[in-house]
């Protein structure tokens, strides 16, 4: 009898505990998209465009906070890369943009660690949104169909909102720590530094996140439809 015949059949189903774990690991590795050698020319081009767009959109501010921070659309290109290109491409775009911000008007620089927290790390942290898979909507789904069957968009909307919340929350952590460590002296008398830092940063991050998730939904849908028309795919 050959060695191949002697090999017992591989178990599957409920008894194979490695199946779901392997699937989850494969999904995580795919969403990480960590090997630059596998990035397509289109992906690299989109990343470069995203940095430029973030820089341009960051200059258009709805309002500016006194100790840094503002409401703009600068997160939109970074989160788009996260949603459709994955974790590491978005981390790359965020870190590059965070460094570029130091050369642009409005940078609030106090101390090297504060600069690291508020710029490269904060904007790089947005890339964590890339870990959350966001399914595509059915191609060419009309608004009339959405009104008739709104449940068809729920998985997409929920996943996109979750991805944005994950990325923005990670950015908030960076600014929150910076506020506690370096800006506690600005807190009103009697207010804890952590309360001041959390409130201060939520005042601009929360509205920016809401605006961004709405615009990102339209952008991702348009991108997915264009990709389906040309037979392309978003990763890698």
Protein backbone atom coordinates (compact mmCIF):
# COMPACT_ATOMS: atom_id res chain seq x y z
CA UNK A 1 0.00 0.00 0.00
CA UNK A 2 1.38 3.42 -0.90
CA UNK A 3 2.12 6.15 1.61
CA UNK A 4 -0.61 8.25 0.03
CA UNK A 5 -3.19 5.52 0.61
CA UNK A 6 -2.12 5.16 4.23
CA UNK A 7 -2.71 8.87 4.96
CA UNK A 8 -5.96 9.22 6.91
CA UNK A 9 -8.53 11.60 5.45
CA UNK A 10 -8.48 15.12 6.87
CA UNK A 11 -11.33 15.82 9.23
CA UNK A 12 -13.59 18.75 8.60
CA UNK A 13 -16.66 20.29 10.14
CA UNK A 14 -17.25 20.76 13.84
CA UNK A 15 -14.47 18.37 14.78
CA UNK A 16 -11.83 20.40 12.96
CA UNK A 17 -11.17 23.25 15.37
CA UNK A 18 -8.43 24.58 13.15
CA UNK A 19 -10.82 25.42 10.31
CA UNK A 20 -12.40 28.61 11.70
CA UNK A 21 -9.07 29.69 13.18
CA UNK A 22 -7.33 29.22 9.85
CA UNK A 23 -10.07 31.13 8.06
CA UNK A 24 -9.86 33.98 10.57
CA UNK A 25 -6.08 34.07 10.27
CA UNK A 26 -6.28 34.14 6.49
CA UNK A 27 -8.79 36.99 6.60
CA UNK A 28 -6.61 38.94 9.03
CA UNK A 29 -3.50 38.40 6.91
CA UNK A 30 -5.38 39.50 3.81
CA UNK A 31 -6.71 42.62 5.53
CA UNK A 32 -3.22 43.43 6.86
CA UNK A 33 -1.81 43.38 3.30
CA UNK A 34 1.60 43.65 4.92
CA UNK A 35 3.95 42.77 2.06
CA UNK A 36 4.75 45.82 -0.10
CA UNK A 37 6.11 43.49 -2.79
CA UNK A 38 2.53 42.37 -3.38
CA UNK A 39 1.09 45.87 -3.72
CA UNK A 40 -0.12 46.62 -7.20
CA UNK A 41 0.82 49.71 -9.17
CA UNK A 42 -2.77 50.89 -8.78
CA UNK A 43 -2.55 50.52 -4.99
CA UNK A 44 0.70 52.48 -4.75
CA UNK A 45 -0.75 55.19 -6.99
CA UNK A 46 -3.86 55.40 -4.81
CA UNK A 47 -1.70 55.68 -1.69
CA UNK A 48 0.28 58.58 -3.17
CA UNK A 49 -2.93 60.31 -4.23
CA UNK A 50 -4.39 59.75 -0.76
CA UNK A 51 -1.44 61.53 0.90
CA UNK A 52 -1.80 64.48 -1.46
CA UNK A 53 -5.56 64.65 -1.00
CA UNK A 54 -5.27 64.44 2.78
CA UNK A 55 -2.82 67.34 2.74
CA UNK A 56 -5.10 69.43 0.52
CA UNK A 57 -8.28 68.60 2.45
CA UNK A 58 -6.53 69.24 5.76
CA UNK A 59 -6.02 72.86 4.73
CA UNK A 60 -9.78 73.38 4.39
CA UNK A 61 -11.02 73.55 7.97
CA UNK A 62 -14.55 74.06 9.24
CA UNK A 63 -13.15 75.20 12.58
CA UNK A 64 -9.86 75.03 14.47
CA UNK A 65 -9.32 74.21 18.14
CA UNK A 66 -7.06 76.54 20.18
CA UNK A 67 -4.40 73.93 21.11
CA UNK A 68 -4.44 72.05 17.83
CA UNK A 69 -7.02 69.86 16.15
CA UNK A 70 -9.67 70.85 13.63
CA UNK A 71 -12.67 69.59 11.69
CA UNK A 72 -11.76 68.89 8.07
CA UNK A 73 -11.90 66.01 5.59
CA UNK A 74 -8.26 64.98 6.00
CA UNK A 75 -9.18 61.53 7.37
CA UNK A 76 -11.28 60.63 4.31
CA UNK A 77 -8.45 59.52 1.96
CA UNK A 78 -6.63 57.61 4.72
CA UNK A 79 -9.76 55.73 5.77
CA UNK A 80 -10.58 54.99 2.15
CA UNK A 81 -7.19 53.30 1.73
CA UNK A 82 -7.81 51.41 4.98
CA UNK A 83 -11.20 50.12 3.85
CA UNK A 84 -10.21 49.07 0.35
CA UNK A 85 -6.44 48.43 0.57
CA UNK A 86 -5.97 47.18 4.12
CA UNK A 87 -4.04 47.87 7.30
CA UNK A 88 -0.41 48.40 6.28
CA UNK A 89 -1.09 50.56 3.19
CA UNK A 90 -3.30 52.81 5.33
CA UNK A 91 -0.74 52.90 8.14
CA UNK A 92 1.84 53.96 5.58
CA UNK A 93 -0.37 56.71 4.17
CA UNK A 94 -1.28 57.93 7.66
CA UNK A 95 2.31 58.07 8.92
CA UNK A 96 3.53 59.83 5.77
CA UNK A 97 0.71 62.36 6.01
CA UNK A 98 1.36 62.85 9.73
CA UNK A 99 4.99 63.68 8.97
CA UNK A 100 3.97 65.95 6.11
CA UNK A 101 1.65 67.86 8.42
CA UNK A 102 4.67 69.05 10.38
CA UNK A 103 5.65 71.10 7.32
CA UNK A 104 2.18 72.54 6.73
CA UNK A 105 0.59 75.61 8.33
CA UNK A 106 -1.18 75.01 11.63
CA UNK A 107 1.08 72.34 13.14
CA UNK A 108 1.11 72.63 16.94
CA UNK A 109 4.57 71.54 18.12
CA UNK A 110 5.49 71.45 21.80
CA UNK A 111 7.84 68.54 22.43
CA UNK A 112 9.20 65.60 20.37
CA UNK A 113 7.03 62.95 22.04
CA UNK A 114 3.95 65.17 21.67
CA UNK A 115 4.76 65.63 17.98
CA UNK A 116 5.05 61.86 17.56
CA UNK A 117 1.73 61.21 19.32
CA UNK A 118 -0.27 63.96 17.60
CA UNK A 119 0.99 63.49 14.05
CA UNK A 120 2.65 60.28 12.72
CA UNK A 121 1.17 57.96 15.35
CA UNK A 122 -2.29 59.56 15.43
CA UNK A 123 -2.79 59.53 11.67
CA UNK A 124 -1.08 56.18 11.27
CA UNK A 125 -3.51 54.77 13.85
CA UNK A 126 -6.36 55.51 11.45
CA UNK A 127 -5.02 52.59 9.44
CA UNK A 128 -6.39 50.17 12.05
CA UNK A 129 -9.71 50.64 10.26
CA UNK A 130 -8.20 48.37 7.62
CA UNK A 131 -8.58 45.36 9.92
CA UNK A 132 -12.38 45.53 9.60
CA UNK A 133 -13.71 43.87 6.43
CA UNK A 134 -16.29 46.04 4.66
CA UNK A 135 -18.42 44.15 2.13
CA UNK A 136 -19.37 45.71 -1.17
CA UNK A 137 -22.94 46.70 -1.91
CA UNK A 138 -24.70 44.88 -4.77
CA UNK A 139 -23.48 46.48 -7.97
CA UNK A 140 -25.71 49.22 -9.44
CA UNK A 141 -28.12 49.13 -6.49
CA UNK A 142 -30.48 52.05 -7.12
CA UNK A 143 -31.86 54.40 -4.49
CA UNK A 144 -35.35 53.09 -5.28
CA UNK A 145 -34.19 49.57 -4.43
CA UNK A 146 -32.57 50.85 -1.24
CA UNK A 147 -35.82 52.51 -0.19
CA UNK A 148 -37.78 49.32 -0.91
CA UNK A 149 -35.31 47.04 0.89
CA UNK A 150 -33.09 49.09 3.25
CA UNK A 151 -31.86 45.89 4.91
CA UNK A 152 -29.69 45.28 1.84
CA UNK A 153 -27.38 48.14 2.84
CA UNK A 154 -27.24 47.36 6.56
CA UNK A 155 -24.20 45.00 6.45
CA UNK A 156 -22.24 47.53 4.39
CA UNK A 157 -23.25 50.54 6.52
CA UNK A 158 -22.62 48.74 9.80
CA UNK A 159 -19.22 47.41 8.71
CA UNK A 160 -18.12 50.79 7.32
CA UNK A 161 -19.23 52.61 10.47
CA UNK A 162 -17.40 50.06 12.60
CA UNK A 163 -14.22 50.42 10.55
CA UNK A 164 -14.29 54.22 10.82
CA UNK A 165 -15.04 54.00 14.55
CA UNK A 166 -12.06 51.68 15.03
CA UNK A 167 -9.65 53.95 13.17
CA UNK A 168 -10.88 57.19 14.74
CA UNK A 169 -10.86 55.64 18.21
CA UNK A 170 -7.22 54.66 17.73
CA UNK A 171 -6.42 58.22 16.67
CA UNK A 172 -8.34 59.53 19.69
CA UNK A 173 -6.17 57.44 22.02
CA UNK A 174 -3.03 59.13 20.68
CA UNK A 175 -4.43 62.64 21.07
CA UNK A 176 -5.91 61.73 24.46
CA UNK A 177 -2.51 60.65 25.80
CA UNK A 178 -0.87 63.74 24.34
CA UNK A 179 -3.47 65.94 26.02
CA UNK A 180 -2.98 64.35 29.42
CA UNK A 181 0.81 64.47 29.27
CA UNK A 182 1.48 67.80 27.56
CA UNK A 183 -1.66 69.96 27.71
CA UNK A 184 -3.08 69.33 31.19
CA UNK A 185 -2.16 72.91 32.19
CA UNK A 186 -4.93 74.16 29.85
CA UNK A 187 -7.61 72.29 31.82
CA UNK A 188 -10.06 74.53 33.71
CA UNK A 189 -9.54 74.73 37.45
CA UNK A 190 -10.91 71.69 39.21
CA UNK A 191 -11.25 69.59 36.05
CA UNK A 192 -9.28 66.37 35.79
CA UNK A 193 -6.70 66.30 33.00
CA UNK A 194 -8.19 63.15 31.47
CA UNK A 195 -11.68 64.69 31.35
CA UNK A 196 -10.31 67.81 29.69
CA UNK A 197 -8.28 65.84 27.16
CA UNK A 198 -11.12 63.49 26.26
CA UNK A 199 -13.66 66.30 25.92
CA UNK A 200 -11.33 68.54 23.97
CA UNK A 201 -10.46 65.86 21.41
CA UNK A 202 -14.00 64.54 21.03
CA UNK A 203 -15.23 68.05 20.23
CA UNK A 204 -13.53 67.92 16.84
CA UNK A 205 -13.02 64.19 16.19
CA UNK A 206 -16.68 63.19 16.67
CA UNK A 207 -18.16 65.60 14.08
CA UNK A 208 -15.30 64.92 11.68
CA UNK A 209 -15.89 61.18 11.99
CA UNK A 210 -19.62 61.58 11.28
CA UNK A 211 -18.98 63.69 8.18
CA UNK A 212 -16.26 61.33 7.02
CA UNK A 213 -18.30 58.12 7.31
CA UNK A 214 -21.12 59.59 5.20
CA UNK A 215 -18.81 60.79 2.44
CA UNK A 216 -16.73 57.61 2.62
CA UNK A 217 -19.84 55.50 1.98
CA UNK A 218 -20.47 57.27 -1.34
CA UNK A 219 -16.77 57.10 -2.27
CA UNK A 220 -16.46 53.37 -1.54
CA UNK A 221 -19.66 52.52 -3.42
CA UNK A 222 -18.48 54.46 -6.48
CA UNK A 223 -15.05 52.83 -6.27
CA UNK A 224 -16.52 49.33 -5.97
CA UNK A 225 -18.83 49.87 -8.94
CA UNK A 226 -15.95 51.15 -11.06
CA UNK A 227 -13.84 48.17 -10.01
CA UNK A 228 -16.63 45.72 -10.84
CA UNK A 229 -17.05 47.31 -14.26
CA UNK A 230 -13.36 46.81 -15.10
CA UNK A 231 -13.13 43.42 -13.41
CA UNK A 232 -10.70 44.65 -10.76
CA UNK A 233 -10.45 44.14 -7.02
CA UNK A 234 -9.36 46.32 -4.16
CA UNK A 235 -6.73 44.15 -2.49
CA UNK A 236 -3.75 44.14 -2.68
